[in-house]
Amino acid sequence: MSTQKTAIVTGAARGIGAAIAKRLSDDGLAVAVLDLDADACADTVKAITDKGGKAIAVGANVADADSVNAAVEKAAAELGAPTVVVNNAGITRDNLLFKMTVEDWDAVMAVHLRGAFNVTKAAQKYMVDANWGRIVNLSSTSALGNRGQVNYSAAKAGMQGFTKTLAIELGKFGVTANAIAPGFIETEMTAATAERIGVPFEDFKKAAAAQIPVNRVGVPEDIAHTASFLISEGAGFVSGQVIYVAGGPKD
């Protein structure tokens, strides 16, 4: 009987989510690569299966409970009981407070917070049954405040409270919950931010790197390495923590 563990990684079609999905496969896990459009997950799945790993593409709207429940059931049926969840799915709708619409506020809250709630709620029963589980939630340094991101900052701060409460509620079942708070990571999302403010991406990265103690911006693999540790057997006594992966302190 196989003892391979199954992970669900949301927002895994590209960027940080894709890097985490690939790393977890390298660590020996089967991976449900979940994103809004299953077809968009093809490259991530292929990268895993080409190396001999086991992965499937799963389409789901994390903000919709029925969609999530169906996706988690599909992962369980095709890969095995999911006892690892990485809540990475996220969007930005940046603007200053006086310009921000209710729709942009709600959209960000729905994907980040309701999405993490829906996926974790659907998967936690498998963790409790196994008396083992790992939950990793993606927060951000923006949780500490960032101009033009009142919705994103609030959502990412909420992810930290969500994480700490999960750790309290699920710890007795052998389940850990931790959050990773990345700083500047080179992704399509940060490239879009540079485009929005009219700055060439290379200049945008260079300016960011100058403010980071290790003198470079992050890459998705930096976050994947951290997720790998938090999901490992060796991290069983690490729970309820927020780990800032930002190249060093701001001050």
C-alpha atoms as a PDB file:
ATOM      1  CA  MET A   1       0.000   0.000   0.000  1.00  0.00           C
ATOM      2  CA  SER A   2       1.376   3.409  -1.011  1.00  0.00           C
ATOM      3  CA  THR A   3       2.252   5.845   1.742  1.00  0.00           C
ATOM      4  CA  GLN A   4       2.709   8.761  -0.651  1.00  0.00           C
ATOM      5  CA  LYS A   5       1.162  11.943   0.722  1.00  0.00           C
ATOM      6  CA  THR A   6      -1.035  14.198  -1.388  1.00  0.00           C
ATOM      7  CA  ALA A   7      -0.812  17.989  -1.481  1.00  0.00           C
ATOM      8  CA  ILE A   8      -3.230  20.551  -2.856  1.00  0.00           C
ATOM      9  CA  VAL A   9      -1.547  23.755  -4.014  1.00  0.00           C
ATOM     10  CA  THR A  10      -3.835  26.600  -5.052  1.00  0.00           C
ATOM     11  CA  GLY A  11      -2.893  29.214  -7.601  1.00  0.00           C
ATOM     12  CA  ALA A  12      -0.344  26.728  -8.914  1.00  0.00           C
ATOM     13  CA  ALA A  13      -0.534  27.386 -12.648  1.00  0.00           C
ATOM     14  CA  ARG A  14       2.414  29.770 -12.453  1.00  0.00           C
ATOM     15  CA  GLY A  15       4.681  31.777 -10.195  1.00  0.00           C
ATOM     16  CA  ILE A  16       5.051  30.896  -6.529  1.00  0.00           C
ATOM     17  CA  GLY A  17       2.332  28.231  -6.630  1.00  0.00           C
ATOM     18  CA  ALA A  18       3.951  26.415  -9.542  1.00  0.00           C
ATOM     19  CA  ALA A  19       7.349  26.486  -7.827  1.00  0.00           C
ATOM     20  CA  ILE A  20       5.853  25.051  -4.639  1.00  0.00           C
ATOM     21  CA  ALA A  21       3.996  22.316  -6.530  1.00  0.00           C
ATOM     22  CA  LYS A  22       7.194  21.257  -8.315  1.00  0.00           C
ATOM     23  CA  ARG A  23       9.231  21.293  -5.102  1.00  0.00           C
ATOM     24  CA  LEU A  24       6.670  19.193  -3.234  1.00  0.00           C
ATOM     25  CA  SER A  25       6.743  16.669  -6.061  1.00  0.00           C
ATOM     26  CA  ASP A  26      10.531  16.568  -5.752  1.00  0.00           C
ATOM     27  CA  ASP A  27       9.969  15.876  -2.058  1.00  0.00           C
ATOM     28  CA  GLY A  28       7.907  12.812  -2.974  1.00  0.00           C
ATOM     29  CA  LEU A  29       4.352  14.106  -2.708  1.00  0.00           C
ATOM     30  CA  ALA A  30       1.559  13.676  -5.236  1.00  0.00           C
ATOM     31  CA  VAL A  31       0.261  17.126  -6.149  1.00  0.00           C
ATOM     32  CA  ALA A  32      -3.133  18.477  -7.140  1.00  0.00           C
ATOM     33  CA  VAL A  33      -2.242  21.577  -9.145  1.00  0.00           C
ATOM     34  CA  LEU A  34      -5.252  23.810  -8.618  1.00  0.00           C
ATOM     35  CA  ASP A  35      -6.098  27.034 -10.393  1.00  0.00           C
ATOM     36  CA  LEU A  36      -9.133  28.799 -11.794  1.00  0.00           C
ATOM     37  CA  ASP A  37      -8.583  27.220 -15.213  1.00  0.00           C
ATOM     38  CA  ALA A  38      -7.400  23.603 -15.272  1.00  0.00           C
ATOM     39  CA  ASP A  39      -5.904  24.073 -18.742  1.00  0.00           C
ATOM     40  CA  ALA A  40      -3.598  26.778 -17.365  1.00  0.00           C
ATOM     41  CA  CYS A  41      -2.082  24.144 -15.044  1.00  0.00           C
ATOM     42  CA  ALA A  42      -0.807  22.013 -17.921  1.00  0.00           C
ATOM     43  CA  ASP A  43       2.766  23.332 -17.852  1.00  0.00           C
ATOM     44  CA  THR A  44       3.130  22.777 -14.115  1.00  0.00           C
ATOM     45  CA  VAL A  45       1.702  19.262 -14.334  1.00  0.00           C
ATOM     46  CA  LYS A  46       3.939  18.411 -17.302  1.00  0.00           C
ATOM     47  CA  ALA A  47       7.033  19.664 -15.475  1.00  0.00           C
ATOM     48  CA  ILE A  48       6.187  17.310 -12.609  1.00  0.00           C
ATOM     49  CA  THR A  49       5.229  14.248 -14.625  1.00  0.00           C
ATOM     50  CA  ASP A  50       8.206  14.625 -16.976  1.00  0.00           C
ATOM     51  CA  LYS A  51      10.417  14.072 -13.920  1.00  0.00           C
ATOM     52  CA  GLY A  52       8.452  11.009 -12.866  1.00  0.00           C
ATOM     53  CA  GLY A  53       6.213  12.747 -10.353  1.00  0.00           C
ATOM     54  CA  LYS A  54       2.483  12.352  -9.913  1.00  0.00           C
ATOM     55  CA  ALA A  55       0.212  15.353 -10.489  1.00  0.00           C
ATOM     56  CA  ILE A  56      -3.174  16.318 -11.846  1.00  0.00           C
ATOM     57  CA  ALA A  57      -4.638  19.631 -12.973  1.00  0.00           C
ATOM     58  CA  VAL A  58      -7.735  20.723 -11.105  1.00  0.00           C
ATOM     59  CA  GLY A  59      -9.880  23.707 -12.039  1.00  0.00           C
ATOM     60  CA  ALA A  60     -11.700  25.498  -9.240  1.00  0.00           C
ATOM     61  CA  ASN A  61     -12.810  28.918  -8.100  1.00  0.00           C
ATOM     62  CA  VAL A  62     -11.460  29.006  -4.547  1.00  0.00           C
ATOM     63  CA  ALA A  63     -14.000  31.664  -3.580  1.00  0.00           C
ATOM     64  CA  ASP A  64     -16.859  29.237  -4.308  1.00  0.00           C
ATOM     65  CA  ALA A  65     -17.398  26.500  -1.723  1.00  0.00           C
ATOM     66  CA  ASP A  66     -19.124  24.055  -4.086  1.00  0.00           C
ATOM     67  CA  SER A  67     -16.333  24.397  -6.635  1.00  0.00           C
ATOM     68  CA  VAL A  68     -13.720  23.808  -3.930  1.00  0.00           C
ATOM     69  CA  ASN A  69     -15.510  20.811  -2.443  1.00  0.00           C
ATOM     70  CA  ALA A  70     -15.659  19.165  -5.868  1.00  0.00           C
ATOM     71  CA  ALA A  71     -11.971  19.903  -6.468  1.00  0.00           C
ATOM     72  CA  VAL A  72     -10.861  18.450  -3.135  1.00  0.00           C
ATOM     73  CA  GLU A  73     -12.948  15.335  -3.731  1.00  0.00           C
ATOM     74  CA  LYS A  74     -11.351  14.947  -7.173  1.00  0.00           C
ATOM     75  CA  ALA A  75      -7.874  15.207  -5.642  1.00  0.00           C
ATOM     76  CA  ALA A  76      -8.752  12.626  -3.005  1.00  0.00           C
ATOM     77  CA  ALA A  77     -10.232  10.222  -5.556  1.00  0.00           C
ATOM     78  CA  GLU A  78      -7.374  10.442  -8.067  1.00  0.00           C
ATOM     79  CA  LEU A  79      -4.327  10.983  -5.854  1.00  0.00           C
ATOM     80  CA  GLY A  80      -5.282   9.964  -2.334  1.00  0.00           C
ATOM     81  CA  ALA A  81      -6.398  11.768   0.792  1.00  0.00           C
ATOM     82  CA  PRO A  82      -4.987  15.320   0.739  1.00  0.00           C
ATOM     83  CA  THR A  83      -3.176  15.946   4.009  1.00  0.00           C
ATOM     84  CA  VAL A  84      -1.158  18.938   2.795  1.00  0.00           C
ATOM     85  CA  VAL A  85      -2.710  22.235   1.722  1.00  0.00           C
ATOM     86  CA  VAL A  86      -0.891  25.278   0.423  1.00  0.00           C
ATOM     87  CA  ASN A  87      -3.217  28.276   0.155  1.00  0.00           C
ATOM     88  CA  ASN A  88      -1.366  30.369  -2.397  1.00  0.00           C
ATOM     89  CA  ALA A  89      -4.128  31.646  -4.705  1.00  0.00           C
ATOM     90  CA  GLY A  90      -4.255  35.414  -4.760  1.00  0.00           C
ATOM     91  CA  ILE A  91      -5.051  38.490  -6.799  1.00  0.00           C
ATOM     92  CA  THR A  92      -4.331  42.197  -6.547  1.00  0.00           C
ATOM     93  CA  ARG A  93      -6.676  45.102  -7.183  1.00  0.00           C
ATOM     94  CA  ASP A  94      -4.418  47.931  -6.082  1.00  0.00           C
ATOM     95  CA  ASN A  95      -5.553  51.501  -5.568  1.00  0.00           C
ATOM     96  CA  LEU A  96      -5.533  54.258  -3.000  1.00  0.00           C
ATOM     97  CA  LEU A  97      -8.374  54.035  -0.514  1.00  0.00           C
ATOM     98  CA  PHE A  98     -10.380  56.944  -1.932  1.00  0.00           C
ATOM     99  CA  LYS A  99     -10.266  55.384  -5.411  1.00  0.00           C
ATOM    100  CA  MET A 100     -10.873  51.767  -4.382  1.00  0.00           C
ATOM    101  CA  THR A 101     -14.236  50.274  -5.281  1.00  0.00           C
ATOM    102  CA  VAL A 102     -16.245  47.917  -3.105  1.00  0.00           C
ATOM    103  CA  GLU A 103     -15.962  45.366  -5.895  1.00  0.00           C
ATOM    104  CA  ASP A 104     -12.152  45.489  -5.782  1.00  0.00           C
ATOM    105  CA  TRP A 105     -12.178  45.180  -1.995  1.00  0.00           C
ATOM    106  CA  ASP A 106     -14.539  42.204  -2.105  1.00  0.00           C
ATOM    107  CA  ALA A 107     -12.681  40.436  -4.916  1.00  0.00           C
ATOM    108  CA  VAL A 108      -9.396  40.439  -3.009  1.00  0.00           C
ATOM    109  CA  MET A 109     -11.022  39.317   0.231  1.00  0.00           C
ATOM    110  CA  ALA A 110     -12.920  36.550  -1.562  1.00  0.00           C
ATOM    111  CA  VAL A 111      -9.880  34.961  -3.201  1.00  0.00           C
ATOM    112  CA  HIS A 112      -7.437  35.291  -0.311  1.00  0.00           C
ATOM    113  CA  LEU A 113      -9.534  34.800   2.798  1.00  0.00           C
ATOM    114  CA  ARG A 114     -12.673  33.001   1.700  1.00  0.00           C
ATOM    115  CA  GLY A 115     -10.571  30.914  -0.664  1.00  0.00           C
ATOM    116  CA  ALA A 116      -8.209  29.788   2.088  1.00  0.00           C
ATOM    117  CA  PHE A 117     -11.182  29.089   4.350  1.00  0.00           C
ATOM    118  CA  ASN A 118     -12.976  27.009   1.711  1.00  0.00           C
ATOM    119  CA  VAL A 119      -9.968  24.889   0.766  1.00  0.00           C
ATOM    120  CA  THR A 120      -8.812  24.310   4.324  1.00  0.00           C
ATOM    121  CA  LYS A 121     -12.295  23.439   5.553  1.00  0.00           C
ATOM    122  CA  ALA A 122     -12.774  20.922   2.742  1.00  0.00           C
ATOM    123  CA  ALA A 123      -9.383  19.260   3.303  1.00  0.00           C
ATOM    124  CA  GLN A 124      -9.075  19.278   7.083  1.00  0.00           C
ATOM    125  CA  LYS A 125     -11.248  16.173   7.525  1.00  0.00           C
ATOM    126  CA  TYR A 126      -8.614  14.123   5.687  1.00  0.00           C
ATOM    127  CA  MET A 127      -5.922  15.491   7.991  1.00  0.00           C
ATOM    128  CA  VAL A 128      -7.927  14.785  11.124  1.00  0.00           C
ATOM    129  CA  ASP A 129      -8.638  11.227   9.942  1.00  0.00           C
ATOM    130  CA  ALA A 130      -4.923  10.684   9.282  1.00  0.00           C
ATOM    131  CA  ASN A 131      -3.908  12.390  12.541  1.00  0.00           C
ATOM    132  CA  TRP A 132      -1.341  14.260  10.443  1.00  0.00           C
ATOM    133  CA  GLY A 133      -1.472  17.348   8.272  1.00  0.00           C
ATOM    134  CA  ARG A 134       0.319  20.429   7.070  1.00  0.00           C
ATOM    135  CA  ILE A 135      -1.272  23.763   6.174  1.00  0.00           C
ATOM    136  CA  VAL A 136       0.833  26.536   4.665  1.00  0.00           C
ATOM    137  CA  ASN A 137      -0.795  29.889   3.950  1.00  0.00           C
ATOM    138  CA  LEU A 138       0.755  32.625   1.842  1.00  0.00           C
ATOM    139  CA  SER A 139       0.747  35.981   3.545  1.00  0.00           C
ATOM    140  CA  SER A 140       2.992  38.916   2.548  1.00  0.00           C
ATOM    141  CA  THR A 141       5.175  41.656   3.958  1.00  0.00           C
ATOM    142  CA  SER A 142       2.299  43.873   2.811  1.00  0.00           C
ATOM    143  CA  ALA A 143       0.432  42.600   5.880  1.00  0.00           C
ATOM    144  CA  LEU A 144       2.472  45.225   7.730  1.00  0.00           C
ATOM    145  CA  GLY A 145       0.993  47.932   5.489  1.00  0.00           C
ATOM    146  CA  ASN A 146       1.699  49.066   1.943  1.00  0.00           C
ATOM    147  CA  ARG A 147       0.499  52.190   0.192  1.00  0.00           C
ATOM    148  CA  GLY A 148      -2.135  51.498  -2.440  1.00  0.00           C
ATOM    149  CA  GLN A 149      -2.893  48.023  -1.129  1.00  0.00           C
ATOM    150  CA  VAL A 150      -5.379  48.498   1.683  1.00  0.00           C
ATOM    151  CA  ASN A 151      -7.410  45.495   0.487  1.00  0.00           C
ATOM    152  CA  TYR A 152      -4.389  43.239  -0.153  1.00  0.00           C
ATOM    153  CA  SER A 153      -2.706  44.275   3.119  1.00  0.00           C
ATOM    154  CA  ALA A 154      -5.852  43.575   5.113  1.00  0.00           C
ATOM    155  CA  ALA A 155      -6.298  40.198   3.423  1.00  0.00           C
ATOM    156  CA  LYS A 156      -2.698  39.169   4.041  1.00  0.00           C
ATOM    157  CA  ALA A 157      -2.897  40.267   7.680  1.00  0.00           C
ATOM    158  CA  GLY A 158      -6.070  38.212   7.922  1.00  0.00           C
ATOM    159  CA  MET A 159      -4.189  35.178   6.630  1.00  0.00           C
ATOM    160  CA  GLN A 160      -1.888  35.442   9.622  1.00  0.00           C
ATOM    161  CA  GLY A 161      -4.750  35.424  12.133  1.00  0.00           C
ATOM    162  CA  PHE A 162      -6.370  32.578  10.209  1.00  0.00           C
ATOM    163  CA  THR A 163      -3.129  30.605  10.409  1.00  0.00           C
ATOM    164  CA  LYS A 164      -2.618  31.093  14.134  1.00  0.00           C
ATOM    165  CA  THR A 165      -6.178  30.007  14.883  1.00  0.00           C
ATOM    166  CA  LEU A 166      -5.886  26.902  12.702  1.00  0.00           C
ATOM    167  CA  ALA A 167      -2.752  25.970  14.650  1.00  0.00           C
ATOM    168  CA  ILE A 168      -4.692  26.185  17.916  1.00  0.00           C
ATOM    169  CA  GLU A 169      -7.748  24.269  16.693  1.00  0.00           C
ATOM    170  CA  LEU A 170      -6.020  21.505  14.729  1.00  0.00           C
ATOM    171  CA  GLY A 171      -2.808  20.938  16.655  1.00  0.00           C
ATOM    172  CA  LYS A 172      -4.263  18.139  18.754  1.00  0.00           C
ATOM    173  CA  PHE A 173      -4.901  16.204  15.538  1.00  0.00           C
ATOM    174  CA  GLY A 174      -1.252  16.305  14.472  1.00  0.00           C
ATOM    175  CA  VAL A 175      -1.855  19.181  12.070  1.00  0.00           C
ATOM    176  CA  THR A 176       0.465  22.185  11.850  1.00  0.00           C
ATOM    177  CA  ALA A 177      -0.427  25.527  10.283  1.00  0.00           C
ATOM    178  CA  ASN A 178       2.095  28.180   9.318  1.00  0.00           C
ATOM    179  CA  ALA A 179       2.239  31.231   7.085  1.00  0.00           C
ATOM    180  CA  ILE A 180       4.940  32.450   4.742  1.00  0.00           C
ATOM    181  CA  ALA A 181       5.143  36.215   4.197  1.00  0.00           C
ATOM    182  CA  PRO A 182       7.209  36.898   1.067  1.00  0.00           C
ATOM    183  CA  GLY A 183       8.781  40.220   0.267  1.00  0.00           C
ATOM    184  CA  PHE A 184       9.494  41.212  -3.334  1.00  0.00           C
ATOM    185  CA  ILE A 185       9.317  38.074  -5.480  1.00  0.00           C
ATOM    186  CA  GLU A 186       9.915  38.178  -9.234  1.00  0.00           C
ATOM    187  CA  THR A 187       6.592  36.999 -10.687  1.00  0.00           C
ATOM    188  CA  GLU A 188       4.015  38.006 -13.273  1.00  0.00           C
ATOM    189  CA  MET A 189       2.191  39.834 -10.473  1.00  0.00           C
ATOM    190  CA  THR A 190       5.124  42.096  -9.623  1.00  0.00           C
ATOM    191  CA  ALA A 191       5.779  42.626 -13.346  1.00  0.00           C
ATOM    192  CA  ALA A 192       2.171  43.776 -13.700  1.00  0.00           C
ATOM    193  CA  THR A 193       2.662  46.204 -10.812  1.00  0.00           C
ATOM    194  CA  ALA A 194       5.685  47.712 -12.545  1.00  0.00           C
ATOM    195  CA  GLU A 195       3.696  48.081 -15.755  1.00  0.00           C
ATOM    196  CA  ARG A 196       0.798  49.690 -13.898  1.00  0.00           C
ATOM    197  CA  ILE A 197       3.016  52.390 -12.404  1.00  0.00           C
ATOM    198  CA  GLY A 198       4.921  52.894 -15.662  1.00  0.00           C
ATOM    199  CA  VAL A 199       8.354  51.617 -14.590  1.00  0.00           C
ATOM    200  CA  PRO A 200      10.420  49.121 -16.630  1.00  0.00           C
ATOM    201  CA  PHE A 201      10.459  45.827 -14.731  1.00  0.00           C
ATOM    202  CA  GLU A 202      14.265  45.614 -14.616  1.00  0.00           C
ATOM    203  CA  ASP A 203      14.412  49.090 -13.078  1.00  0.00           C
ATOM    204  CA  PHE A 204      11.632  48.128 -10.667  1.00  0.00           C
ATOM    205  CA  LYS A 205      13.584  45.054  -9.533  1.00  0.00           C
ATOM    206  CA  LYS A 206      16.828  46.990  -9.231  1.00  0.00           C
ATOM    207  CA  ALA A 207      15.208  49.606  -7.005  1.00  0.00           C
ATOM    208  CA  ALA A 208      13.666  46.894  -4.825  1.00  0.00           C
ATOM    209  CA  ALA A 209      16.945  44.982  -4.533  1.00  0.00           C
ATOM    210  CA  ALA A 210      18.686  48.118  -3.285  1.00  0.00           C
ATOM    211  CA  GLN A 211      16.385  48.076  -0.238  1.00  0.00           C
ATOM    212  CA  ILE A 212      16.921  44.382   0.537  1.00  0.00           C
ATOM    213  CA  PRO A 213      19.856  43.356   2.756  1.00  0.00           C
ATOM    214  CA  VAL A 214      20.848  40.380   0.568  1.00  0.00           C
ATOM    215  CA  ASN A 215      20.868  42.784  -2.403  1.00  0.00           C
ATOM    216  CA  ARG A 216      18.549  40.836  -4.683  1.00  0.00           C
ATOM    217  CA  VAL A 217      14.857  40.282  -5.191  1.00  0.00           C
ATOM    218  CA  GLY A 218      13.348  36.912  -4.413  1.00  0.00           C
ATOM    219  CA  VAL A 219      12.360  34.201  -6.855  1.00  0.00           C
ATOM    220  CA  PRO A 220       9.505  31.696  -6.501  1.00  0.00           C
ATOM    221  CA  GLU A 221      11.924  28.937  -5.546  1.00  0.00           C
ATOM    222  CA  ASP A 222      12.874  30.888  -2.403  1.00  0.00           C
ATOM    223  CA  ILE A 223       9.304  30.483  -1.188  1.00  0.00           C
ATOM    224  CA  ALA A 224       9.127  26.864  -2.363  1.00  0.00           C
ATOM    225  CA  HIS A 225      12.148  25.958  -0.228  1.00  0.00           C
ATOM    226  CA  THR A 226      10.468  27.452   2.837  1.00  0.00           C
ATOM    227  CA  ALA A 227       7.195  25.640   2.139  1.00  0.00           C
ATOM    228  CA  SER A 228       9.124  22.393   1.725  1.00  0.00           C
ATOM    229  CA  PHE A 229      10.577  22.724   5.212  1.00  0.00           C
ATOM    230  CA  LEU A 230       7.247  23.600   6.846  1.00  0.00           C
ATOM    231  CA  ILE A 231       5.627  20.551   5.226  1.00  0.00           C
ATOM    232  CA  SER A 232       8.439  18.183   6.156  1.00  0.00           C
ATOM    233  CA  GLU A 233       8.336  15.695   9.010  1.00  0.00           C
ATOM    234  CA  GLY A 234      11.093  17.687  10.671  1.00  0.00           C
ATOM    235  CA  ALA A 235       8.808  20.718  11.070  1.00  0.00           C
ATOM    236  CA  GLY A 236       6.280  18.910  13.242  1.00  0.00           C
ATOM    237  CA  PHE A 237       6.975  21.211  16.218  1.00  0.00           C
ATOM    238  CA  VAL A 238       6.664  24.406  14.158  1.00  0.00           C
ATOM    239  CA  SER A 239       3.095  25.698  14.126  1.00  0.00           C
ATOM    240  CA  GLY A 240       1.241  28.982  14.292  1.00  0.00           C
ATOM    241  CA  GLN A 241       4.252  30.851  12.941  1.00  0.00           C
ATOM    242  CA  VAL A 242       4.588  33.587  10.341  1.00  0.00           C
ATOM    243  CA  ILE A 243       7.906  33.339   8.510  1.00  0.00           C
ATOM    244  CA  TYR A 244       9.004  36.450   6.617  1.00  0.00           C
ATOM    245  CA  VAL A 245      10.977  35.504   3.524  1.00  0.00           C
ATOM    246  CA  ALA A 246      12.129  38.905   2.394  1.00  0.00           C
ATOM    247  CA  GLY A 247      15.897  38.904   2.191  1.00  0.00           C
ATOM    248  CA  GLY A 248      16.359  40.508   5.578  1.00  0.00           C
ATOM    249  CA  PRO A 249      14.697  43.100   7.834  1.00  0.00           C
ATOM    250  CA  LYS A 250      13.512  46.423   6.443  1.00  0.00           C
ATOM    251  CA  ASP A 251      15.085  48.381   9.311  1.00  0.00           C
END
